[in-house]
PDB file of N, CA and C in Angstrom:
ATOM      1  N   MET A   1     -26.793 -16.282 -37.238  1.00  0.00           N
ATOM      2  CA  MET A   1     -27.896 -17.086 -37.698  1.00  0.00           C
ATOM      3  C   MET A   1     -27.487 -17.841 -38.947  1.00  0.00           C
ATOM      4  N   LYS A   2     -27.816 -19.084 -39.006  1.00  0.00           N
ATOM      5  CA  LYS A   2     -27.415 -19.959 -40.105  1.00  0.00           C
ATOM      6  C   LYS A   2     -28.428 -19.828 -41.243  1.00  0.00           C
ATOM      7  N   THR A   3     -27.949 -19.830 -42.477  1.00  0.00           N
ATOM      8  CA  THR A   3     -28.792 -19.861 -43.638  1.00  0.00           C
ATOM      9  C   THR A   3     -29.318 -21.284 -43.816  1.00  0.00           C
ATOM     10  N   LEU A   4     -30.617 -21.394 -44.049  1.00  0.00           N
ATOM     11  CA  LEU A   4     -31.224 -22.701 -44.279  1.00  0.00           C
ATOM     12  C   LEU A   4     -31.687 -22.791 -45.724  1.00  0.00           C
ATOM     13  N   GLU A   5     -31.548 -23.965 -46.318  1.00  0.00           N
ATOM     14  CA  GLU A   5     -31.988 -24.177 -47.709  1.00  0.00           C
ATOM     15  C   GLU A   5     -32.804 -25.425 -47.821  1.00  0.00           C
ATOM     16  N   THR A   6     -33.815 -25.329 -48.717  1.00  0.00           N
ATOM     17  CA  THR A   6     -34.588 -26.514 -49.120  1.00  0.00           C
ATOM     18  C   THR A   6     -34.358 -26.619 -50.633  1.00  0.00           C
ATOM     19  N   ALA A   7     -35.075 -27.500 -51.246  1.00  0.00           N
ATOM     20  CA  ALA A   7     -34.941 -27.666 -52.710  1.00  0.00           C
ATOM     21  C   ALA A   7     -35.332 -26.381 -53.444  1.00  0.00           C
ATOM     22  N   ARG A   8     -36.307 -25.647 -52.866  1.00  0.00           N
ATOM     23  CA  ARG A   8     -36.821 -24.473 -53.587  1.00  0.00           C
ATOM     24  C   ARG A   8     -36.680 -23.153 -52.869  1.00  0.00           C
ATOM     25  N   LEU A   9     -36.280 -23.169 -51.556  1.00  0.00           N
ATOM     26  CA  LEU A   9     -36.249 -21.938 -50.776  1.00  0.00           C
ATOM     27  C   LEU A   9     -34.918 -21.749 -50.065  1.00  0.00           C
ATOM     28  N   ILE A  10     -34.623 -20.479 -49.796  1.00  0.00           N
ATOM     29  CA  ILE A  10     -33.512 -20.083 -48.962  1.00  0.00           C
ATOM     30  C   ILE A  10     -34.073 -19.217 -47.848  1.00  0.00           C
ATOM     31  N   ILE A  11     -33.741 -19.572 -46.608  1.00  0.00           N
ATOM     32  CA  ILE A  11     -34.190 -18.784 -45.438  1.00  0.00           C
ATOM     33  C   ILE A  11     -32.915 -18.143 -44.871  1.00  0.00           C
ATOM     34  N   ASP A  12     -32.864 -16.824 -44.930  1.00  0.00           N
ATOM     35  CA  ASP A  12     -31.617 -16.128 -44.675  1.00  0.00           C
ATOM     36  C   ASP A  12     -31.895 -14.826 -43.875  1.00  0.00           C
ATOM     37  N   LYS A  13     -30.841 -14.227 -43.400  1.00  0.00           N
ATOM     38  CA  LYS A  13     -30.936 -12.972 -42.647  1.00  0.00           C
ATOM     39  C   LYS A  13     -31.580 -11.896 -43.513  1.00  0.00           C
ATOM     40  N   LEU A  14     -32.351 -11.048 -42.859  1.00  0.00           N
ATOM     41  CA  LEU A  14     -32.875  -9.877 -43.546  1.00  0.00           C
ATOM     42  C   LEU A  14     -31.763  -8.841 -43.704  1.00  0.00           C
ATOM     43  N   THR A  15     -31.798  -8.138 -44.824  1.00  0.00           N
ATOM     44  CA  THR A  15     -30.805  -7.101 -45.095  1.00  0.00           C
ATOM     45  C   THR A  15     -31.546  -5.754 -45.307  1.00  0.00           C
ATOM     46  N   ILE A  16     -30.800  -4.709 -45.385  1.00  0.00           N
ATOM     47  CA  ILE A  16     -31.377  -3.381 -45.651  1.00  0.00           C
ATOM     48  C   ILE A  16     -32.175  -3.427 -46.962  1.00  0.00           C
ATOM     49  N   GLU A  17     -31.761  -4.234 -47.918  1.00  0.00           N
ATOM     50  CA  GLU A  17     -32.470  -4.330 -49.197  1.00  0.00           C
ATOM     51  C   GLU A  17     -33.877  -4.927 -49.026  1.00  0.00           C
ATOM     52  N   ASP A  18     -34.158  -5.535 -47.881  1.00  0.00           N
ATOM     53  CA  ASP A  18     -35.462  -6.115 -47.602  1.00  0.00           C
ATOM     54  C   ASP A  18     -36.390  -5.105 -46.911  1.00  0.00           C
ATOM     55  N   ALA A  19     -36.012  -3.846 -46.849  1.00  0.00           N
ATOM     56  CA  ALA A  19     -36.773  -2.836 -46.093  1.00  0.00           C
ATOM     57  C   ALA A  19     -38.216  -2.712 -46.628  1.00  0.00           C
ATOM     58  N   ALA A  20     -38.413  -2.631 -47.929  1.00  0.00           N
ATOM     59  CA  ALA A  20     -39.749  -2.457 -48.491  1.00  0.00           C
ATOM     60  C   ALA A  20     -40.636  -3.663 -48.165  1.00  0.00           C
ATOM     61  N   PHE A  21     -40.066  -4.839 -48.283  1.00  0.00           N
ATOM     62  CA  PHE A  21     -40.810  -6.054 -47.957  1.00  0.00           C
ATOM     63  C   PHE A  21     -41.133  -6.092 -46.469  1.00  0.00           C
ATOM     64  N   THR A  22     -40.178  -5.764 -45.620  1.00  0.00           N
ATOM     65  CA  THR A  22     -40.359  -5.752 -44.182  1.00  0.00           C
ATOM     66  C   THR A  22     -41.445  -4.740 -43.822  1.00  0.00           C
ATOM     67  N   LEU A  23     -41.426  -3.587 -44.468  1.00  0.00           N
ATOM     68  CA  LEU A  23     -42.467  -2.568 -44.217  1.00  0.00           C
ATOM     69  C   LEU A  23     -43.849  -3.125 -44.541  1.00  0.00           C
ATOM     70  N   ALA A  24     -43.968  -3.841 -45.664  1.00  0.00           N
ATOM     71  CA  ALA A  24     -45.259  -4.412 -46.073  1.00  0.00           C
ATOM     72  C   ALA A  24     -45.723  -5.450 -45.019  1.00  0.00           C
ATOM     73  N   ILE A  25     -44.821  -6.279 -44.577  1.00  0.00           N
ATOM     74  CA  ILE A  25     -45.216  -7.308 -43.578  1.00  0.00           C
ATOM     75  C   ILE A  25     -45.620  -6.647 -42.276  1.00  0.00           C
ATOM     76  N   LEU A  26     -44.826  -5.719 -41.771  1.00  0.00           N
ATOM     77  CA  LEU A  26     -45.085  -5.106 -40.478  1.00  0.00           C
ATOM     78  C   LEU A  26     -46.372  -4.273 -40.454  1.00  0.00           C
ATOM     79  N   ASN A  27     -46.843  -3.886 -41.685  1.00  0.00           N
ATOM     80  CA  ASN A  27     -48.048  -3.121 -41.738  1.00  0.00           C
ATOM     81  C   ASN A  27     -49.263  -3.909 -42.269  1.00  0.00           C
ATOM     82  N   ASP A  28     -49.072  -5.183 -42.430  1.00  0.00           N
ATOM     83  CA  ASP A  28     -50.171  -6.071 -42.852  1.00  0.00           C
ATOM     84  C   ASP A  28     -51.167  -6.095 -41.698  1.00  0.00           C
ATOM     85  N   GLU A  29     -52.441  -5.950 -42.026  1.00  0.00           N
ATOM     86  CA  GLU A  29     -53.493  -5.876 -41.005  1.00  0.00           C
ATOM     87  C   GLU A  29     -53.483  -7.120 -40.094  1.00  0.00           C
ATOM     88  N   ASP A  30     -53.313  -8.301 -40.662  1.00  0.00           N
ATOM     89  CA  ASP A  30     -53.273  -9.513 -39.846  1.00  0.00           C
ATOM     90  C   ASP A  30     -52.044  -9.538 -38.940  1.00  0.00           C
ATOM     91  N   PHE A  31     -50.881  -9.059 -39.456  1.00  0.00           N
ATOM     92  CA  PHE A  31     -49.686  -9.042 -38.637  1.00  0.00           C
ATOM     93  C   PHE A  31     -49.926  -8.123 -37.438  1.00  0.00           C
ATOM     94  N   ILE A  32     -50.488  -6.954 -37.666  1.00  0.00           N
ATOM     95  CA  ILE A  32     -50.730  -6.034 -36.592  1.00  0.00           C
ATOM     96  C   ILE A  32     -51.733  -6.627 -35.583  1.00  0.00           C
ATOM     97  N   ASN A  33     -52.783  -7.277 -36.077  1.00  0.00           N
ATOM     98  CA  ASN A  33     -53.775  -7.849 -35.177  1.00  0.00           C
ATOM     99  C   ASN A  33     -53.303  -9.062 -34.415  1.00  0.00           C
ATOM    100  N   TYR A  34     -52.527  -9.926 -35.028  1.00  0.00           N
ATOM    101  CA  TYR A  34     -52.154 -11.200 -34.417  1.00  0.00           C
ATOM    102  C   TYR A  34     -50.747 -11.260 -33.859  1.00  0.00           C
ATOM    103  N   VAL A  35     -49.882 -10.378 -34.303  1.00  0.00           N
ATOM    104  CA  VAL A  35     -48.497 -10.373 -33.787  1.00  0.00           C
ATOM    105  C   VAL A  35     -48.284  -9.108 -32.970  1.00  0.00           C
ATOM    106  N   ALA A  36     -48.144  -7.983 -33.663  1.00  0.00           N
ATOM    107  CA  ALA A  36     -47.931  -6.695 -32.946  1.00  0.00           C
ATOM    108  C   ALA A  36     -47.886  -5.550 -33.951  1.00  0.00           C
ATOM    109  N   ASP A  37     -48.203  -4.378 -33.465  1.00  0.00           N
ATOM    110  CA  ASP A  37     -47.981  -3.178 -34.237  1.00  0.00           C
ATOM    111  C   ASP A  37     -46.651  -2.607 -33.819  1.00  0.00           C
ATOM    112  N   ARG A  38     -45.646  -2.720 -34.679  1.00  0.00           N
ATOM    113  CA  ARG A  38     -44.285  -2.273 -34.366  1.00  0.00           C
ATOM    114  C   ARG A  38     -44.101  -0.783 -34.609  1.00  0.00           C
ATOM    115  N   GLY A  39     -45.112  -0.078 -35.134  1.00  0.00           N
ATOM    116  CA  GLY A  39     -45.025   1.349 -35.346  1.00  0.00           C
ATOM    117  C   GLY A  39     -44.086   1.754 -36.482  1.00  0.00           C
ATOM    118  N   VAL A  40     -43.797   0.845 -37.371  1.00  0.00           N
ATOM    119  CA  VAL A  40     -42.910   1.108 -38.509  1.00  0.00           C
ATOM    120  C   VAL A  40     -43.795   1.513 -39.673  1.00  0.00           C
ATOM    121  N   ARG A  41     -43.650   2.772 -40.122  1.00  0.00           N
ATOM    122  CA  ARG A  41     -44.561   3.292 -41.174  1.00  0.00           C
ATOM    123  C   ARG A  41     -43.839   3.735 -42.446  1.00  0.00           C
ATOM    124  N   THR A  42     -42.546   3.853 -42.413  1.00  0.00           N
ATOM    125  CA  THR A  42     -41.816   4.288 -43.596  1.00  0.00           C
ATOM    126  C   THR A  42     -40.683   3.311 -43.912  1.00  0.00           C
ATOM    127  N   GLU A  43     -40.163   3.398 -45.131  1.00  0.00           N
ATOM    128  CA  GLU A  43     -39.066   2.521 -45.498  1.00  0.00           C
ATOM    129  C   GLU A  43     -37.825   2.820 -44.663  1.00  0.00           C
ATOM    130  N   GLU A  44     -37.606   4.068 -44.323  1.00  0.00           N
ATOM    131  CA  GLU A  44     -36.466   4.433 -43.460  1.00  0.00           C
ATOM    132  C   GLU A  44     -36.611   3.809 -42.097  1.00  0.00           C
ATOM    133  N   GLN A  45     -37.846   3.839 -41.547  1.00  0.00           N
ATOM    134  CA  GLN A  45     -38.073   3.200 -40.244  1.00  0.00           C
ATOM    135  C   GLN A  45     -37.869   1.676 -40.352  1.00  0.00           C
ATOM    136  N   ALA A  46     -38.254   1.091 -41.485  1.00  0.00           N
ATOM    137  CA  ALA A  46     -38.064  -0.341 -41.653  1.00  0.00           C
ATOM    138  C   ALA A  46     -36.580  -0.666 -41.708  1.00  0.00           C
ATOM    139  N   LYS A  47     -35.776   0.162 -42.352  1.00  0.00           N
ATOM    140  CA  LYS A  47     -34.316  -0.054 -42.362  1.00  0.00           C
ATOM    141  C   LYS A  47     -33.766   0.002 -40.938  1.00  0.00           C
ATOM    142  N   ALA A  48     -34.213   0.979 -40.176  1.00  0.00           N
ATOM    143  CA  ALA A  48     -33.771   1.104 -38.794  1.00  0.00           C
ATOM    144  C   ALA A  48     -34.214  -0.085 -37.966  1.00  0.00           C
ATOM    145  N   TYR A  49     -35.424  -0.560 -38.202  1.00  0.00           N
ATOM    146  CA  TYR A  49     -35.934  -1.742 -37.467  1.00  0.00           C
ATOM    147  C   TYR A  49     -35.089  -2.983 -37.786  1.00  0.00           C
ATOM    148  N   ILE A  50     -34.701  -3.129 -39.053  1.00  0.00           N
ATOM    149  CA  ILE A  50     -33.847  -4.249 -39.406  1.00  0.00           C
ATOM    150  C   ILE A  50     -32.523  -4.182 -38.660  1.00  0.00           C
ATOM    151  N   VAL A  51     -31.910  -3.008 -38.647  1.00  0.00           N
ATOM    152  CA  VAL A  51     -30.614  -2.834 -38.002  1.00  0.00           C
ATOM    153  C   VAL A  51     -30.722  -2.921 -36.472  1.00  0.00           C
ATOM    154  N   ASP A  52     -31.668  -2.147 -35.894  1.00  0.00           N
ATOM    155  CA  ASP A  52     -31.741  -2.011 -34.446  1.00  0.00           C
ATOM    156  C   ASP A  52     -32.430  -3.182 -33.726  1.00  0.00           C
ATOM    157  N   LYS A  53     -33.356  -3.834 -34.367  1.00  0.00           N
ATOM    158  CA  LYS A  53     -34.118  -4.910 -33.697  1.00  0.00           C
ATOM    159  C   LYS A  53     -33.748  -6.280 -34.222  1.00  0.00           C
ATOM    160  N   ILE A  54     -33.863  -6.451 -35.538  1.00  0.00           N
ATOM    161  CA  ILE A  54     -33.665  -7.803 -36.105  1.00  0.00           C
ATOM    162  C   ILE A  54     -32.207  -8.228 -36.047  1.00  0.00           C
ATOM    163  N   ARG A  55     -31.306  -7.384 -36.494  1.00  0.00           N
ATOM    164  CA  ARG A  55     -29.895  -7.755 -36.424  1.00  0.00           C
ATOM    165  C   ARG A  55     -29.430  -7.870 -34.972  1.00  0.00           C
ATOM    166  N   ALA A  56     -29.961  -7.063 -34.080  1.00  0.00           N
ATOM    167  CA  ALA A  56     -29.627  -7.178 -32.667  1.00  0.00           C
ATOM    168  C   ALA A  56     -30.060  -8.518 -32.103  1.00  0.00           C
ATOM    169  N   SER A  57     -31.210  -9.017 -32.587  1.00  0.00           N
ATOM    170  CA  SER A  57     -31.650 -10.347 -32.138  1.00  0.00           C
ATOM    171  C   SER A  57     -30.721 -11.437 -32.613  1.00  0.00           C
ATOM    172  N   TYR A  58     -30.204 -11.302 -33.849  1.00  0.00           N
ATOM    173  CA  TYR A  58     -29.232 -12.274 -34.345  1.00  0.00           C
ATOM    174  C   TYR A  58     -28.032 -12.343 -33.390  1.00  0.00           C
ATOM    175  N   GLN A  59     -27.566 -11.157 -32.983  1.00  0.00           N
ATOM    176  CA  GLN A  59     -26.378 -11.115 -32.096  1.00  0.00           C
ATOM    177  C   GLN A  59     -26.694 -11.624 -30.690  1.00  0.00           C
ATOM    178  N   LYS A  60     -27.814 -11.222 -30.141  1.00  0.00           N
ATOM    179  CA  LYS A  60     -28.161 -11.572 -28.781  1.00  0.00           C
ATOM    180  C   LYS A  60     -28.646 -13.013 -28.638  1.00  0.00           C
ATOM    181  N   ASN A  61     -29.518 -13.436 -29.538  1.00  0.00           N
ATOM    182  CA  ASN A  61     -30.196 -14.745 -29.394  1.00  0.00           C
ATOM    183  C   ASN A  61     -29.708 -15.805 -30.359  1.00  0.00           C
ATOM    184  N   GLY A  62     -29.022 -15.382 -31.430  1.00  0.00           N
ATOM    185  CA  GLY A  62     -28.624 -16.335 -32.465  1.00  0.00           C
ATOM    186  C   GLY A  62     -29.707 -16.636 -33.468  1.00  0.00           C
ATOM    187  N   PHE A  63     -30.839 -15.959 -33.356  1.00  0.00           N
ATOM    188  CA  PHE A  63     -31.914 -16.124 -34.312  1.00  0.00           C
ATOM    189  C   PHE A  63     -32.722 -14.820 -34.348  1.00  0.00           C
ATOM    190  N   GLY A  64     -33.631 -14.723 -35.304  1.00  0.00           N
ATOM    191  CA  GLY A  64     -34.489 -13.567 -35.450  1.00  0.00           C
ATOM    192  C   GLY A  64     -35.277 -13.676 -36.722  1.00  0.00           C
ATOM    193  N   MET A  65     -36.079 -12.651 -37.040  1.00  0.00           N
ATOM    194  CA  MET A  65     -36.847 -12.668 -38.267  1.00  0.00           C
ATOM    195  C   MET A  65     -35.909 -12.950 -39.423  1.00  0.00           C
ATOM    196  N   ALA A  66     -36.409 -13.661 -40.449  1.00  0.00           N
ATOM    197  CA  ALA A  66     -35.583 -14.006 -41.585  1.00  0.00           C
ATOM    198  C   ALA A  66     -36.388 -13.927 -42.870  1.00  0.00           C
ATOM    199  N   ALA A  67     -35.694 -13.649 -43.947  1.00  0.00           N
ATOM    200  CA  ALA A  67     -36.333 -13.606 -45.264  1.00  0.00           C
ATOM    201  C   ALA A  67     -36.443 -15.052 -45.806  1.00  0.00           C
ATOM    202  N   VAL A  68     -37.607 -15.295 -46.432  1.00  0.00           N
ATOM    203  CA  VAL A  68     -37.805 -16.571 -47.135  1.00  0.00           C
ATOM    204  C   VAL A  68     -37.780 -16.203 -48.616  1.00  0.00           C
ATOM    205  N   ARG A  69     -36.777 -16.730 -49.307  1.00  0.00           N
ATOM    206  CA  ARG A  69     -36.565 -16.374 -50.721  1.00  0.00           C
ATOM    207  C   ARG A  69     -36.680 -17.596 -51.635  1.00  0.00           C
ATOM    208  N   ARG A  70     -37.137 -17.353 -52.849  1.00  0.00           N
ATOM    209  CA  ARG A  70     -37.147 -18.412 -53.866  1.00  0.00           C
ATOM    210  C   ARG A  70     -35.695 -18.675 -54.248  1.00  0.00           C
ATOM    211  N   LYS A  71     -35.345 -19.910 -54.369  1.00  0.00           N
ATOM    212  CA  LYS A  71     -33.964 -20.257 -54.731  1.00  0.00           C
ATOM    213  C   LYS A  71     -33.679 -19.959 -56.197  1.00  0.00           C
ATOM    214  N   ASP A  72     -34.694 -20.131 -57.056  1.00  0.00           N
ATOM    215  CA  ASP A  72     -34.457 -19.949 -58.490  1.00  0.00           C
ATOM    216  C   ASP A  72     -34.226 -18.519 -58.930  1.00  0.00           C
ATOM    217  N   ASN A  73     -34.835 -17.536 -58.230  1.00  0.00           N
ATOM    218  CA  ASN A  73     -34.654 -16.171 -58.665  1.00  0.00           C
ATOM    219  C   ASN A  73     -34.342 -15.162 -57.530  1.00  0.00           C
ATOM    220  N   GLY A  74     -34.275 -15.637 -56.311  1.00  0.00           N
ATOM    221  CA  GLY A  74     -33.928 -14.809 -55.181  1.00  0.00           C
ATOM    222  C   GLY A  74     -35.039 -13.899 -54.655  1.00  0.00           C
ATOM    223  N   GLU A  75     -36.238 -13.990 -55.251  1.00  0.00           N
ATOM    224  CA  GLU A  75     -37.357 -13.170 -54.838  1.00  0.00           C
ATOM    225  C   GLU A  75     -37.751 -13.477 -53.388  1.00  0.00           C
ATOM    226  N   THR A  76     -37.911 -12.439 -52.590  1.00  0.00           N
ATOM    227  CA  THR A  76     -38.365 -12.584 -51.210  1.00  0.00           C
ATOM    228  C   THR A  76     -39.866 -12.794 -51.252  1.00  0.00           C
ATOM    229  N   ILE A  77     -40.325 -13.943 -50.722  1.00  0.00           N
ATOM    230  CA  ILE A  77     -41.763 -14.251 -50.791  1.00  0.00           C
ATOM    231  C   ILE A  77     -42.398 -14.343 -49.421  1.00  0.00           C
ATOM    232  N   GLY A  78     -41.595 -14.282 -48.367  1.00  0.00           N
ATOM    233  CA  GLY A  78     -42.164 -14.384 -47.022  1.00  0.00           C
ATOM    234  C   GLY A  78     -41.130 -14.036 -45.988  1.00  0.00           C
ATOM    235  N   MET A  79     -41.570 -14.096 -44.753  1.00  0.00           N
ATOM    236  CA  MET A  79     -40.698 -13.823 -43.629  1.00  0.00           C
ATOM    237  C   MET A  79     -40.950 -14.851 -42.569  1.00  0.00           C
ATOM    238  N   ARG A  80     -39.845 -15.379 -42.025  1.00  0.00           N
ATOM    239  CA  ARG A  80     -39.948 -16.289 -40.896  1.00  0.00           C
ATOM    240  C   ARG A  80     -39.884 -15.444 -39.651  1.00  0.00           C
ATOM    241  N   LEU A  81     -40.885 -15.627 -38.805  1.00  0.00           N
ATOM    242  CA  LEU A  81     -40.932 -14.857 -37.541  1.00  0.00           C
ATOM    243  C   LEU A  81     -40.567 -15.809 -36.414  1.00  0.00           C
ATOM    244  N   ASP A  82     -39.605 -15.430 -35.624  1.00  0.00           N
ATOM    245  CA  ASP A  82     -39.209 -16.220 -34.459  1.00  0.00           C
ATOM    246  C   ASP A  82     -39.616 -15.476 -33.218  1.00  0.00           C
ATOM    247  N   SER A  83     -40.119 -16.213 -32.282  1.00  0.00           N
ATOM    248  CA  SER A  83     -40.357 -15.615 -30.974  1.00  0.00           C
ATOM    249  C   SER A  83     -39.905 -16.618 -29.917  1.00  0.00           C
ATOM    250  N   MET A  84     -39.419 -16.118 -28.834  1.00  0.00           N
ATOM    251  CA  MET A  84     -38.949 -16.962 -27.747  1.00  0.00           C
ATOM    252  C   MET A  84     -39.910 -16.862 -26.575  1.00  0.00           C
ATOM    253  N   ILE A  85     -40.361 -18.004 -26.137  1.00  0.00           N
ATOM    254  CA  ILE A  85     -41.277 -18.048 -24.986  1.00  0.00           C
ATOM    255  C   ILE A  85     -40.531 -18.708 -23.847  1.00  0.00           C
ATOM    256  N   ARG A  86     -40.482 -18.052 -22.718  1.00  0.00           N
ATOM    257  CA  ARG A  86     -39.843 -18.632 -21.559  1.00  0.00           C
ATOM    258  C   ARG A  86     -40.879 -19.422 -20.830  1.00  0.00           C
ATOM    259  N   LEU A  87     -40.708 -20.771 -20.824  1.00  0.00           N
ATOM    260  CA  LEU A  87     -41.628 -21.651 -20.165  1.00  0.00           C
ATOM    261  C   LEU A  87     -41.365 -21.686 -18.658  1.00  0.00           C
ATOM    262  N   THR A  88     -40.111 -21.771 -18.297  1.00  0.00           N
ATOM    263  CA  THR A  88     -39.652 -21.737 -16.925  1.00  0.00           C
ATOM    264  C   THR A  88     -38.370 -20.959 -16.935  1.00  0.00           C
ATOM    265  N   PRO A  89     -37.797 -20.572 -15.791  1.00  0.00           N
ATOM    266  CA  PRO A  89     -36.531 -19.838 -15.811  1.00  0.00           C
ATOM    267  C   PRO A  89     -35.391 -20.613 -16.522  1.00  0.00           C
ATOM    268  N   GLU A  90     -35.504 -21.936 -16.594  1.00  0.00           N
ATOM    269  CA  GLU A  90     -34.452 -22.736 -17.224  1.00  0.00           C
ATOM    270  C   GLU A  90     -34.803 -23.191 -18.637  1.00  0.00           C
ATOM    271  N   ASP A  91     -36.036 -22.998 -19.054  1.00  0.00           N
ATOM    272  CA  ASP A  91     -36.500 -23.602 -20.290  1.00  0.00           C
ATOM    273  C   ASP A  91     -37.094 -22.547 -21.229  1.00  0.00           C
ATOM    274  N   GLU A  92     -36.693 -22.589 -22.479  1.00  0.00           N
ATOM    275  CA  GLU A  92     -37.234 -21.663 -23.477  1.00  0.00           C
ATOM    276  C   GLU A  92     -37.723 -22.463 -24.657  1.00  0.00           C
ATOM    277  N   GLU A  93     -38.697 -21.929 -25.365  1.00  0.00           N
ATOM    278  CA  GLU A  93     -39.199 -22.543 -26.578  1.00  0.00           C
ATOM    279  C   GLU A  93     -39.149 -21.506 -27.685  1.00  0.00           C
ATOM    280  N   ILE A  94     -38.704 -21.912 -28.844  1.00  0.00           N
ATOM    281  CA  ILE A  94     -38.685 -20.998 -29.992  1.00  0.00           C
ATOM    282  C   ILE A  94     -39.856 -21.364 -30.869  1.00  0.00           C
ATOM    283  N   CYS A  95     -40.699 -20.345 -31.142  1.00  0.00           N
ATOM    284  CA  CYS A  95     -41.837 -20.561 -32.009  1.00  0.00           C
ATOM    285  C   CYS A  95     -41.554 -19.954 -33.364  1.00  0.00           C
ATOM    286  N   LEU A  96     -41.901 -20.681 -34.412  1.00  0.00           N
ATOM    287  CA  LEU A  96     -41.650 -20.210 -35.772  1.00  0.00           C
ATOM    288  C   LEU A  96     -42.979 -20.026 -36.492  1.00  0.00           C
ATOM    289  N   TYR A  97     -43.055 -18.905 -37.196  1.00  0.00           N
ATOM    290  CA  TYR A  97     -44.230 -18.589 -37.995  1.00  0.00           C
ATOM    291  C   TYR A  97     -43.766 -18.150 -39.374  1.00  0.00           C
ATOM    292  N   LEU A  98     -44.547 -18.406 -40.390  1.00  0.00           N
ATOM    293  CA  LEU A  98     -44.221 -17.944 -41.737  1.00  0.00           C
ATOM    294  C   LEU A  98     -45.266 -16.945 -42.147  1.00  0.00           C
ATOM    295  N   TRP A  99     -44.819 -15.778 -42.564  1.00  0.00           N
ATOM    296  CA  TRP A  99     -45.736 -14.703 -42.976  1.00  0.00           C
ATOM    297  C   TRP A  99     -45.418 -14.269 -44.387  1.00  0.00           C
ATOM    298  N   SER A 100     -46.413 -14.020 -45.176  1.00  0.00           N
ATOM    299  CA  SER A 100     -46.159 -13.505 -46.531  1.00  0.00           C
ATOM    300  C   SER A 100     -47.094 -12.342 -46.803  1.00  0.00           C
ATOM    301  N   ALA A 101     -46.629 -11.451 -47.652  1.00  0.00           N
ATOM    302  CA  ALA A 101     -47.414 -10.216 -47.968  1.00  0.00           C
ATOM    303  C   ALA A 101     -48.336 -10.480 -49.124  1.00  0.00           C
TER     304      ALA A 101
END
């Protein structure tokens, strides 16, 4: 997955250091209601989710959930959620959402 930059933001791969933030996002009431309940309840489970699900998506699909960070101080302020929708057997669409805790 390629790192993307704007004048003020960096959108980059999630790392193990993002486990606490990932845990907060995955347990946000709106995330659970509108996206999914991933069943991740502890920081250790969040680390495993990053390794087993998110990094696996990078390898398999070339994209996946990503951290949205401030460029000036590196603070993680949101998460880009990617989902792939198969429109036809030959056609896919990638949907992007931005989520913040």
